[in-house]
N, C-alpha and C. Protein backbone atom coordinates (compact mmCIF):
# COMPACT_ATOMS: atom_id res chain seq x y z
N MET A 1 0.85 -1.19 0.00
CA MET A 1 0.00 0.00 0.00
C MET A 1 0.89 1.24 0.00
N ASP A 2 0.54 2.17 -0.81
CA ASP A 2 1.21 3.45 -0.94
C ASP A 2 1.19 4.19 0.41
N GLU A 3 2.29 4.88 0.76
CA GLU A 3 2.43 5.55 2.06
C GLU A 3 1.36 6.62 2.29
N GLU A 4 1.06 7.42 1.26
CA GLU A 4 0.03 8.45 1.41
C GLU A 4 -1.34 7.83 1.66
N LEU A 5 -1.65 6.76 0.95
CA LEU A 5 -2.94 6.08 1.14
C LEU A 5 -3.00 5.46 2.53
N ARG A 6 -1.91 4.86 2.97
CA ARG A 6 -1.88 4.27 4.31
C ARG A 6 -2.11 5.34 5.37
N SER A 7 -1.44 6.45 5.24
CA SER A 7 -1.58 7.55 6.20
C SER A 7 -3.02 8.08 6.22
N LEU A 8 -3.59 8.27 5.05
CA LEU A 8 -4.96 8.77 4.97
C LEU A 8 -5.95 7.76 5.55
N THR A 9 -5.79 6.49 5.24
CA THR A 9 -6.74 5.50 5.75
C THR A 9 -6.65 5.40 7.27
N GLU A 10 -5.45 5.48 7.82
CA GLU A 10 -5.30 5.45 9.29
C GLU A 10 -5.97 6.66 9.92
N ARG A 11 -5.74 7.83 9.33
CA ARG A 11 -6.35 9.06 9.86
C ARG A 11 -7.87 9.00 9.73
N SER A 12 -8.37 8.53 8.59
CA SER A 12 -9.82 8.42 8.38
C SER A 12 -10.45 7.41 9.33
N ARG A 13 -9.75 6.30 9.55
CA ARG A 13 -10.26 5.29 10.49
C ARG A 13 -10.42 5.91 11.87
N GLY A 14 -9.43 6.69 12.29
CA GLY A 14 -9.51 7.35 13.59
C GLY A 14 -10.63 8.37 13.67
N GLU A 15 -10.77 9.19 12.61
CA GLU A 15 -11.81 10.22 12.60
C GLU A 15 -13.21 9.60 12.56
N SER A 16 -13.33 8.45 11.93
CA SER A 16 -14.65 7.81 11.80
C SER A 16 -14.99 6.94 13.00
N GLY A 17 -14.00 6.71 13.86
CA GLY A 17 -14.21 5.79 14.98
C GLY A 17 -14.27 4.34 14.52
N GLY A 18 -13.68 4.07 13.35
CA GLY A 18 -13.68 2.70 12.82
C GLY A 18 -15.08 2.22 12.44
N SER A 19 -15.91 3.13 12.01
CA SER A 19 -17.32 2.81 11.70
C SER A 19 -17.45 1.88 10.50
N ALA A 20 -18.64 1.32 10.37
CA ALA A 20 -18.95 0.47 9.22
C ALA A 20 -18.89 1.29 7.92
N ALA A 21 -19.28 2.55 7.99
CA ALA A 21 -19.22 3.42 6.80
C ALA A 21 -17.77 3.57 6.34
N TYR A 22 -16.86 3.73 7.29
CA TYR A 22 -15.44 3.81 6.94
C TYR A 22 -14.99 2.52 6.26
N GLU A 23 -15.29 1.41 6.88
CA GLU A 23 -14.86 0.11 6.33
C GLU A 23 -15.39 -0.07 4.91
N ARG A 24 -16.64 0.33 4.67
CA ARG A 24 -17.22 0.19 3.33
C ARG A 24 -16.48 1.07 2.32
N LEU A 25 -16.22 2.34 2.69
CA LEU A 25 -15.52 3.25 1.78
C LEU A 25 -14.08 2.82 1.52
N ALA A 26 -13.43 2.32 2.53
CA ALA A 26 -12.04 1.90 2.37
C ALA A 26 -11.92 0.66 1.50
N ALA A 27 -12.95 -0.16 1.48
CA ALA A 27 -12.88 -1.43 0.76
C ALA A 27 -13.48 -1.40 -0.64
N THR A 28 -14.41 -0.50 -0.89
CA THR A 28 -15.13 -0.56 -2.16
C THR A 28 -14.24 -0.25 -3.36
N GLY A 29 -14.54 -0.91 -4.44
CA GLY A 29 -13.89 -0.62 -5.70
C GLY A 29 -14.84 0.07 -6.66
N ASP A 30 -16.03 0.39 -6.18
CA ASP A 30 -17.08 0.99 -7.00
C ASP A 30 -16.90 2.51 -7.04
N HIS A 31 -16.46 3.02 -8.18
CA HIS A 31 -16.21 4.46 -8.31
C HIS A 31 -17.49 5.26 -8.18
N ASP A 32 -18.61 4.72 -8.63
CA ASP A 32 -19.88 5.45 -8.49
C ASP A 32 -20.26 5.62 -7.03
N GLU A 33 -20.00 4.60 -6.23
CA GLU A 33 -20.28 4.69 -4.79
C GLU A 33 -19.40 5.76 -4.14
N LEU A 34 -18.12 5.79 -4.53
CA LEU A 34 -17.22 6.81 -4.00
C LEU A 34 -17.65 8.20 -4.45
N ALA A 35 -18.02 8.34 -5.71
CA ALA A 35 -18.44 9.65 -6.23
C ALA A 35 -19.72 10.13 -5.56
N GLU A 36 -20.59 9.21 -5.20
CA GLU A 36 -21.83 9.59 -4.53
C GLU A 36 -21.54 10.24 -3.17
N VAL A 37 -20.51 9.80 -2.49
CA VAL A 37 -20.13 10.38 -1.20
C VAL A 37 -19.78 11.86 -1.36
N LEU A 38 -19.23 12.22 -2.52
CA LEU A 38 -18.81 13.60 -2.76
C LEU A 38 -19.98 14.55 -2.93
N THR A 39 -21.13 14.02 -3.33
CA THR A 39 -22.27 14.89 -3.61
C THR A 39 -23.43 14.72 -2.63
N ALA A 40 -23.42 13.65 -1.87
CA ALA A 40 -24.52 13.38 -0.93
C ALA A 40 -24.46 14.36 0.24
N PRO A 41 -25.59 14.88 0.66
CA PRO A 41 -25.59 15.81 1.81
C PRO A 41 -25.26 15.08 3.11
N GLY A 42 -24.66 15.83 4.03
CA GLY A 42 -24.42 15.32 5.37
C GLY A 42 -23.26 14.37 5.53
N GLN A 43 -22.42 14.24 4.51
CA GLN A 43 -21.27 13.34 4.62
C GLN A 43 -20.18 13.98 5.47
N PRO A 44 -19.56 13.22 6.36
CA PRO A 44 -18.47 13.80 7.16
C PRO A 44 -17.24 14.08 6.29
N LEU A 45 -16.41 15.00 6.74
CA LEU A 45 -15.23 15.40 5.99
C LEU A 45 -14.31 14.22 5.71
N TRP A 46 -14.11 13.34 6.70
CA TRP A 46 -13.21 12.20 6.49
C TRP A 46 -13.70 11.34 5.34
N ALA A 47 -15.03 11.18 5.19
CA ALA A 47 -15.59 10.34 4.12
C ALA A 47 -15.38 11.00 2.76
N ARG A 48 -15.62 12.30 2.70
CA ARG A 48 -15.41 13.01 1.44
C ARG A 48 -13.93 12.96 1.03
N GLU A 49 -13.05 13.15 2.01
CA GLU A 49 -11.62 13.13 1.71
C GLU A 49 -11.19 11.75 1.22
N LEU A 50 -11.61 10.71 1.90
CA LEU A 50 -11.23 9.35 1.52
C LEU A 50 -11.76 9.01 0.12
N ALA A 51 -13.01 9.36 -0.15
CA ALA A 51 -13.60 9.09 -1.47
C ALA A 51 -12.88 9.86 -2.57
N ALA A 52 -12.63 11.15 -2.33
CA ALA A 52 -11.95 11.97 -3.34
C ALA A 52 -10.53 11.46 -3.59
N PHE A 53 -9.83 11.11 -2.54
CA PHE A 53 -8.46 10.61 -2.67
C PHE A 53 -8.44 9.34 -3.50
N ARG A 54 -9.30 8.40 -3.17
CA ARG A 54 -9.33 7.13 -3.90
C ARG A 54 -9.72 7.33 -5.36
N LEU A 55 -10.69 8.21 -5.61
CA LEU A 55 -11.06 8.50 -7.00
C LEU A 55 -9.91 9.20 -7.74
N GLY A 56 -9.24 10.11 -7.05
CA GLY A 56 -8.10 10.81 -7.66
C GLY A 56 -7.00 9.86 -8.08
N LEU A 57 -6.67 8.93 -7.20
CA LEU A 57 -5.63 7.95 -7.53
C LEU A 57 -6.05 7.07 -8.71
N ALA A 58 -7.35 6.87 -8.85
CA ALA A 58 -7.86 6.04 -9.95
C ALA A 58 -8.02 6.83 -11.24
N GLY A 59 -7.74 8.14 -11.20
CA GLY A 59 -7.85 8.97 -12.39
C GLY A 59 -9.28 9.36 -12.73
N ASP A 60 -10.17 9.28 -11.76
CA ASP A 60 -11.58 9.64 -11.97
C ASP A 60 -11.75 11.13 -11.69
N ARG A 61 -12.04 11.88 -12.73
CA ARG A 61 -12.08 13.34 -12.61
C ARG A 61 -13.25 13.87 -11.80
N ARG A 62 -14.15 13.04 -11.38
CA ARG A 62 -15.22 13.50 -10.49
C ARG A 62 -14.66 13.94 -9.14
N ALA A 63 -13.44 13.57 -8.85
CA ALA A 63 -12.79 13.95 -7.59
C ALA A 63 -12.20 15.35 -7.61
N PHE A 64 -12.09 15.96 -8.79
CA PHE A 64 -11.34 17.20 -8.93
C PHE A 64 -11.78 18.30 -7.96
N GLU A 65 -13.05 18.66 -7.97
CA GLU A 65 -13.51 19.79 -7.14
C GLU A 65 -13.27 19.54 -5.66
N ALA A 66 -13.57 18.33 -5.20
CA ALA A 66 -13.36 18.02 -3.78
C ALA A 66 -11.88 18.08 -3.43
N LEU A 67 -11.02 17.59 -4.31
CA LEU A 67 -9.59 17.62 -4.03
C LEU A 67 -9.06 19.05 -4.01
N VAL A 68 -9.55 19.91 -4.89
CA VAL A 68 -9.11 21.31 -4.88
C VAL A 68 -9.53 21.99 -3.58
N LEU A 69 -10.73 21.72 -3.13
CA LEU A 69 -11.17 22.29 -1.84
C LEU A 69 -10.27 21.80 -0.71
N LEU A 70 -9.92 20.53 -0.73
CA LEU A 70 -9.06 19.98 0.32
C LEU A 70 -7.63 20.51 0.22
N LEU A 71 -7.19 20.83 -0.99
CA LEU A 71 -5.84 21.39 -1.18
C LEU A 71 -5.70 22.73 -0.47
N ASN A 72 -6.79 23.40 -0.24
CA ASN A 72 -6.80 24.71 0.39
C ASN A 72 -7.37 24.65 1.81
N HIS A 73 -7.31 23.49 2.43
CA HIS A 73 -7.87 23.29 3.77
C HIS A 73 -6.88 23.78 4.83
N ARG A 74 -7.39 24.10 5.99
CA ARG A 74 -6.52 24.58 7.07
C ARG A 74 -5.68 23.47 7.70
N ASP A 75 -6.07 22.21 7.48
CA ASP A 75 -5.33 21.07 8.03
C ASP A 75 -4.25 20.63 7.03
N PRO A 76 -2.98 20.78 7.38
CA PRO A 76 -1.91 20.45 6.44
C PRO A 76 -1.94 18.99 5.95
N GLN A 77 -2.41 18.07 6.77
CA GLN A 77 -2.48 16.67 6.33
C GLN A 77 -3.48 16.51 5.20
N ARG A 78 -4.60 17.20 5.29
CA ARG A 78 -5.60 17.14 4.22
C ARG A 78 -5.04 17.78 2.94
N CYS A 79 -4.33 18.88 3.09
CA CYS A 79 -3.71 19.53 1.93
C CYS A 79 -2.71 18.60 1.25
N ALA A 80 -1.90 17.93 2.06
CA ALA A 80 -0.87 17.03 1.50
C ALA A 80 -1.51 15.87 0.76
N SER A 81 -2.54 15.27 1.33
CA SER A 81 -3.16 14.13 0.65
C SER A 81 -3.88 14.60 -0.61
N ALA A 82 -4.49 15.77 -0.59
CA ALA A 82 -5.15 16.30 -1.79
C ALA A 82 -4.13 16.58 -2.89
N ALA A 83 -3.00 17.18 -2.52
CA ALA A 83 -1.95 17.46 -3.52
C ALA A 83 -1.45 16.17 -4.14
N TYR A 84 -1.26 15.16 -3.33
CA TYR A 84 -0.79 13.86 -3.82
C TYR A 84 -1.78 13.28 -4.83
N ALA A 85 -3.05 13.30 -4.49
CA ALA A 85 -4.08 12.74 -5.38
C ALA A 85 -4.23 13.59 -6.64
N LEU A 86 -4.19 14.91 -6.51
CA LEU A 86 -4.30 15.78 -7.68
C LEU A 86 -3.15 15.56 -8.65
N ALA A 87 -1.96 15.34 -8.13
CA ALA A 87 -0.81 15.10 -9.00
C ALA A 87 -0.98 13.83 -9.83
N ARG A 88 -1.75 12.90 -9.33
CA ARG A 88 -1.96 11.62 -10.01
C ARG A 88 -3.27 11.57 -10.79
N LEU A 89 -4.13 12.54 -10.58
CA LEU A 89 -5.44 12.55 -11.21
C LEU A 89 -5.36 12.72 -12.73
N GLY A 90 -4.45 13.58 -13.18
CA GLY A 90 -4.33 13.79 -14.62
C GLY A 90 -5.37 14.73 -15.19
N ASP A 91 -5.95 15.59 -14.37
CA ASP A 91 -6.95 16.53 -14.85
C ASP A 91 -6.24 17.80 -15.34
N PRO A 92 -6.52 18.26 -16.56
CA PRO A 92 -5.82 19.43 -17.09
C PRO A 92 -6.13 20.73 -16.33
N ARG A 93 -7.15 20.74 -15.49
CA ARG A 93 -7.50 21.93 -14.71
C ARG A 93 -6.64 22.08 -13.45
N THR A 94 -5.90 21.05 -13.11
CA THR A 94 -5.19 21.03 -11.83
C THR A 94 -4.17 22.15 -11.70
N ALA A 95 -3.34 22.36 -12.70
CA ALA A 95 -2.30 23.39 -12.58
C ALA A 95 -2.89 24.78 -12.43
N ARG A 96 -3.94 25.06 -13.18
CA ARG A 96 -4.59 26.37 -13.08
C ARG A 96 -5.17 26.58 -11.68
N ALA A 97 -5.80 25.54 -11.13
CA ALA A 97 -6.38 25.64 -9.78
C ALA A 97 -5.28 25.81 -8.74
N ALA A 98 -4.20 25.05 -8.86
CA ALA A 98 -3.09 25.17 -7.90
C ALA A 98 -2.45 26.55 -7.99
N ALA A 99 -2.32 27.08 -9.20
CA ALA A 99 -1.74 28.42 -9.36
C ALA A 99 -2.64 29.46 -8.72
N ALA A 100 -3.95 29.33 -8.88
CA ALA A 100 -4.88 30.28 -8.27
C ALA A 100 -4.79 30.23 -6.75
N LEU A 101 -4.66 29.04 -6.19
CA LEU A 101 -4.54 28.91 -4.73
C LEU A 101 -3.20 29.43 -4.23
N ALA A 102 -2.14 29.16 -4.96
CA ALA A 102 -0.81 29.60 -4.53
C ALA A 102 -0.67 31.11 -4.54
N THR A 103 -1.36 31.76 -5.46
CA THR A 103 -1.22 33.22 -5.60
C THR A 103 -2.31 34.00 -4.89
N ASN A 104 -3.22 33.34 -4.21
CA ASN A 104 -4.32 34.00 -3.51
C ASN A 104 -3.80 34.56 -2.18
N GLU A 105 -3.63 35.85 -2.12
CA GLU A 105 -3.09 36.48 -0.91
C GLU A 105 -3.98 36.32 0.31
N LEU A 106 -5.26 36.13 0.10
CA LEU A 106 -6.16 35.94 1.24
C LEU A 106 -6.00 34.56 1.87
N ARG A 107 -5.40 33.62 1.14
CA ARG A 107 -5.24 32.25 1.63
C ARG A 107 -3.76 31.83 1.64
N VAL A 108 -2.86 32.80 1.69
CA VAL A 108 -1.44 32.49 1.58
C VAL A 108 -0.96 31.56 2.71
N ALA A 109 -1.61 31.58 3.84
CA ALA A 109 -1.22 30.69 4.93
C ALA A 109 -1.36 29.23 4.54
N TYR A 110 -2.16 28.95 3.52
CA TYR A 110 -2.39 27.57 3.07
C TYR A 110 -1.79 27.31 1.70
N ALA A 111 -0.84 28.12 1.27
CA ALA A 111 -0.28 28.03 -0.08
C ALA A 111 0.85 27.02 -0.21
N LEU A 112 1.37 26.49 0.88
CA LEU A 112 2.53 25.60 0.80
C LEU A 112 2.28 24.39 -0.11
N HIS A 113 1.19 23.70 0.06
CA HIS A 113 0.94 22.50 -0.74
C HIS A 113 0.59 22.82 -2.19
N PRO A 114 -0.17 23.89 -2.47
CA PRO A 114 -0.34 24.26 -3.88
C PRO A 114 0.99 24.60 -4.56
N VAL A 115 1.90 25.26 -3.85
CA VAL A 115 3.22 25.57 -4.41
C VAL A 115 3.96 24.27 -4.73
N ARG A 116 3.99 23.36 -3.79
CA ARG A 116 4.68 22.09 -4.03
C ARG A 116 4.05 21.30 -5.17
N LEU A 117 2.73 21.35 -5.26
CA LEU A 117 2.04 20.66 -6.34
C LEU A 117 2.43 21.26 -7.69
N LEU A 118 2.52 22.57 -7.77
CA LEU A 118 2.93 23.22 -9.02
C LEU A 118 4.31 22.76 -9.46
N VAL A 119 5.21 22.58 -8.52
CA VAL A 119 6.55 22.11 -8.85
C VAL A 119 6.47 20.69 -9.39
N GLU A 120 5.69 19.86 -8.75
CA GLU A 120 5.57 18.48 -9.21
C GLU A 120 4.92 18.40 -10.58
N LEU A 121 3.95 19.25 -10.86
CA LEU A 121 3.25 19.21 -12.14
C LEU A 121 4.11 19.71 -13.30
N ARG A 122 5.01 20.65 -13.02
CA ARG A 122 5.86 21.22 -14.06
C ARG A 122 5.03 21.75 -15.24
N ALA A 123 3.92 22.36 -14.93
CA ALA A 123 2.99 22.86 -15.95
C ALA A 123 3.39 24.27 -16.39
N PRO A 124 2.84 24.76 -17.50
CA PRO A 124 3.15 26.13 -17.93
C PRO A 124 2.81 27.18 -16.87
N GLU A 125 1.83 26.91 -16.02
CA GLU A 125 1.43 27.86 -14.97
C GLU A 125 2.39 27.88 -13.79
N SER A 126 3.22 26.86 -13.67
CA SER A 126 4.04 26.68 -12.47
C SER A 126 5.00 27.84 -12.21
N VAL A 127 5.87 28.14 -13.16
CA VAL A 127 6.90 29.17 -12.93
C VAL A 127 6.28 30.54 -12.69
N PRO A 128 5.34 31.01 -13.53
CA PRO A 128 4.75 32.34 -13.25
C PRO A 128 4.08 32.41 -11.87
N ALA A 129 3.39 31.36 -11.47
CA ALA A 129 2.72 31.38 -10.16
C ALA A 129 3.74 31.41 -9.02
N LEU A 130 4.80 30.62 -9.13
CA LEU A 130 5.82 30.62 -8.08
C LEU A 130 6.56 31.94 -8.01
N ILE A 131 6.82 32.55 -9.15
CA ILE A 131 7.47 33.87 -9.16
C ILE A 131 6.58 34.90 -8.47
N THR A 132 5.30 34.91 -8.82
CA THR A 132 4.36 35.87 -8.20
C THR A 132 4.28 35.66 -6.70
N THR A 133 4.15 34.41 -6.29
CA THR A 133 4.03 34.11 -4.86
C THR A 133 5.30 34.52 -4.12
N LEU A 134 6.46 34.20 -4.68
CA LEU A 134 7.72 34.56 -4.03
C LEU A 134 7.90 36.07 -3.97
N GLN A 135 7.59 36.79 -5.03
CA GLN A 135 7.74 38.25 -5.01
C GLN A 135 6.96 38.86 -3.85
N ARG A 136 5.78 38.36 -3.60
CA ARG A 136 4.95 38.86 -2.51
C ARG A 136 5.51 38.50 -1.14
N ARG A 137 6.26 37.44 -1.06
CA ARG A 137 6.84 37.00 0.21
C ARG A 137 8.13 37.74 0.55
N LEU A 138 8.64 38.54 -0.37
CA LEU A 138 9.91 39.24 -0.14
C LEU A 138 9.72 40.58 0.56
N ARG A 139 8.51 40.88 0.98
CA ARG A 139 8.26 42.11 1.75
C ARG A 139 8.85 41.95 3.15
N PRO A 140 9.24 43.07 3.75
CA PRO A 140 9.80 42.99 5.11
C PRO A 140 8.79 42.38 6.09
N HIS A 141 9.27 41.53 6.95
CA HIS A 141 8.50 40.92 8.03
C HIS A 141 7.35 40.03 7.55
N ASP A 142 7.48 39.48 6.37
CA ASP A 142 6.44 38.57 5.87
C ASP A 142 6.47 37.31 6.73
N PRO A 143 5.33 36.87 7.25
CA PRO A 143 5.32 35.71 8.16
C PRO A 143 5.30 34.34 7.46
N TYR A 144 5.29 34.32 6.15
CA TYR A 144 5.11 33.06 5.42
C TYR A 144 6.42 32.58 4.80
N ARG A 145 7.44 32.45 5.62
CA ARG A 145 8.76 32.05 5.13
C ARG A 145 8.77 30.63 4.56
N ARG A 146 7.94 29.73 5.12
CA ARG A 146 7.90 28.36 4.58
C ARG A 146 7.38 28.35 3.15
N VAL A 147 6.41 29.21 2.87
CA VAL A 147 5.89 29.33 1.51
C VAL A 147 6.97 29.91 0.60
N ALA A 148 7.66 30.95 1.07
CA ALA A 148 8.73 31.57 0.29
C ALA A 148 9.84 30.55 0.00
N LEU A 149 10.22 29.80 1.00
CA LEU A 149 11.27 28.79 0.82
C LEU A 149 10.85 27.71 -0.18
N ALA A 150 9.59 27.30 -0.12
CA ALA A 150 9.08 26.32 -1.08
C ALA A 150 9.12 26.88 -2.50
N CYS A 151 8.83 28.16 -2.64
CA CYS A 151 8.91 28.80 -3.96
C CYS A 151 10.35 28.83 -4.46
N VAL A 152 11.28 29.22 -3.59
CA VAL A 152 12.69 29.27 -3.98
C VAL A 152 13.16 27.88 -4.40
N ASP A 153 12.91 26.89 -3.57
CA ASP A 153 13.33 25.53 -3.90
C ASP A 153 12.67 25.05 -5.19
N GLY A 154 11.38 25.35 -5.34
CA GLY A 154 10.64 24.93 -6.52
C GLY A 154 11.15 25.58 -7.79
N LEU A 155 11.44 26.86 -7.72
CA LEU A 155 11.98 27.55 -8.89
C LEU A 155 13.34 26.98 -9.29
N GLY A 156 14.13 26.62 -8.31
CA GLY A 156 15.41 25.96 -8.62
C GLY A 156 15.18 24.62 -9.29
N ALA A 157 14.25 23.85 -8.78
CA ALA A 157 13.95 22.53 -9.36
C ALA A 157 13.42 22.65 -10.78
N LEU A 158 12.63 23.69 -11.04
CA LEU A 158 12.07 23.88 -12.38
C LEU A 158 13.11 24.40 -13.37
N GLY A 159 14.13 25.09 -12.85
CA GLY A 159 15.26 25.50 -13.69
C GLY A 159 14.94 26.47 -14.81
N ASP A 160 13.96 27.30 -14.64
CA ASP A 160 13.52 28.23 -15.69
C ASP A 160 14.23 29.58 -15.49
N ALA A 161 14.83 30.10 -16.54
CA ALA A 161 15.58 31.36 -16.45
C ALA A 161 14.72 32.55 -16.06
N ARG A 162 13.41 32.48 -16.27
CA ARG A 162 12.54 33.59 -15.86
C ARG A 162 12.58 33.82 -14.36
N ALA A 163 13.03 32.83 -13.61
CA ALA A 163 13.07 32.94 -12.14
C ALA A 163 14.30 33.68 -11.63
N ARG A 164 15.30 33.89 -12.47
CA ARG A 164 16.54 34.53 -12.00
C ARG A 164 16.33 35.85 -11.27
N PRO A 165 15.57 36.80 -11.81
CA PRO A 165 15.43 38.10 -11.11
C PRO A 165 14.85 37.97 -9.69
N VAL A 166 13.80 37.18 -9.52
CA VAL A 166 13.20 37.06 -8.18
C VAL A 166 14.12 36.27 -7.24
N LEU A 167 14.84 35.32 -7.77
CA LEU A 167 15.80 34.58 -6.93
C LEU A 167 16.97 35.48 -6.53
N ASP A 168 17.39 36.37 -7.43
CA ASP A 168 18.42 37.35 -7.07
C ASP A 168 17.93 38.25 -5.94
N GLU A 169 16.66 38.65 -5.98
CA GLU A 169 16.08 39.45 -4.89
C GLU A 169 16.06 38.65 -3.58
N ALA A 170 15.78 37.36 -3.68
CA ALA A 170 15.70 36.52 -2.48
C ALA A 170 17.06 36.40 -1.78
N LEU A 171 18.13 36.63 -2.50
CA LEU A 171 19.47 36.58 -1.89
C LEU A 171 19.62 37.59 -0.76
N ALA A 172 18.87 38.67 -0.81
CA ALA A 172 18.96 39.72 0.21
C ALA A 172 18.22 39.37 1.49
N HIS A 173 17.52 38.25 1.51
CA HIS A 173 16.74 37.83 2.68
C HIS A 173 17.46 36.68 3.38
N PRO A 174 17.96 36.91 4.58
CA PRO A 174 18.77 35.90 5.26
C PRO A 174 18.11 34.52 5.35
N ALA A 175 16.82 34.47 5.55
CA ALA A 175 16.15 33.18 5.68
C ALA A 175 16.07 32.42 4.35
N LEU A 176 16.26 33.14 3.26
CA LEU A 176 16.13 32.54 1.93
C LEU A 176 17.45 32.48 1.15
N ALA A 177 18.45 33.19 1.61
CA ALA A 177 19.67 33.38 0.83
C ALA A 177 20.35 32.07 0.43
N GLU A 178 20.54 31.16 1.36
CA GLU A 178 21.23 29.90 1.04
C GLU A 178 20.44 29.09 0.00
N ALA A 179 19.14 29.00 0.20
CA ALA A 179 18.29 28.27 -0.75
C ALA A 179 18.32 28.96 -2.12
N ALA A 180 18.34 30.29 -2.13
CA ALA A 180 18.37 31.02 -3.40
C ALA A 180 19.67 30.77 -4.15
N VAL A 181 20.78 30.70 -3.42
CA VAL A 181 22.07 30.38 -4.06
C VAL A 181 21.99 29.02 -4.74
N HIS A 182 21.45 28.04 -4.04
CA HIS A 182 21.32 26.69 -4.61
C HIS A 182 20.36 26.67 -5.80
N ALA A 183 19.27 27.41 -5.69
CA ALA A 183 18.29 27.47 -6.77
C ALA A 183 18.90 28.12 -8.02
N LEU A 184 19.61 29.22 -7.82
CA LEU A 184 20.24 29.90 -8.95
C LEU A 184 21.28 29.00 -9.63
N ALA A 185 21.97 28.20 -8.85
CA ALA A 185 22.97 27.28 -9.42
C ALA A 185 22.33 26.22 -10.31
N ARG A 186 21.07 25.96 -10.12
CA ARG A 186 20.38 24.93 -10.91
C ARG A 186 19.80 25.49 -12.21
N ILE A 187 19.81 26.80 -12.36
CA ILE A 187 19.23 27.41 -13.56
C ILE A 187 20.35 27.68 -14.55
N PRO A 188 20.25 27.09 -15.73
CA PRO A 188 21.31 27.29 -16.73
C PRO A 188 21.41 28.76 -17.14
N ARG A 189 22.63 29.21 -17.33
CA ARG A 189 22.86 30.59 -17.78
C ARG A 189 22.73 30.64 -19.29
N ARG A 190 22.11 31.73 -19.78
CA ARG A 190 22.02 31.92 -21.22
C ARG A 190 23.36 32.41 -21.72
N ARG A 191 23.71 32.03 -22.92
CA ARG A 191 25.00 32.46 -23.50
C ARG A 191 24.79 33.47 -24.58
């Protein structure tokens, strides 16, 4: 069993109290049954998350909306499992949704997993969204250093020359300087 799935099923089992509903959702192979959980009223969050995750891993695009909502959840574990499933879903809307979440200043406290997802997707939206998010994090006394660091690391991993100017700016920030040096070293110089 995949580590992310194991972690999610253990967490869901605990949240459900090991109920019969949990056992049914964890065991079913029926995608329609899982999709019904996403739209039925009164479903607990653990059930919606488990159903969306399983559908996402199976490539069933009915999970997309639920996974995007979970990607922007206040609980980092839910964000991580949603990002993992979205990366495997194969829905062409994923990068655009992750970019919108990563660049939303009203939800920047929850941008870490959308940023990481953008790096994993390597989509056309990835570099512009990471540059925008990092530029906003370079203000004095910005409290979201983990998001900024994820952007710096991600831009280095993506290796796109468009990131050079913002990474050069990041050098002036002590909390980001070392990571920015490493990121810049990964970006090929134009000749």
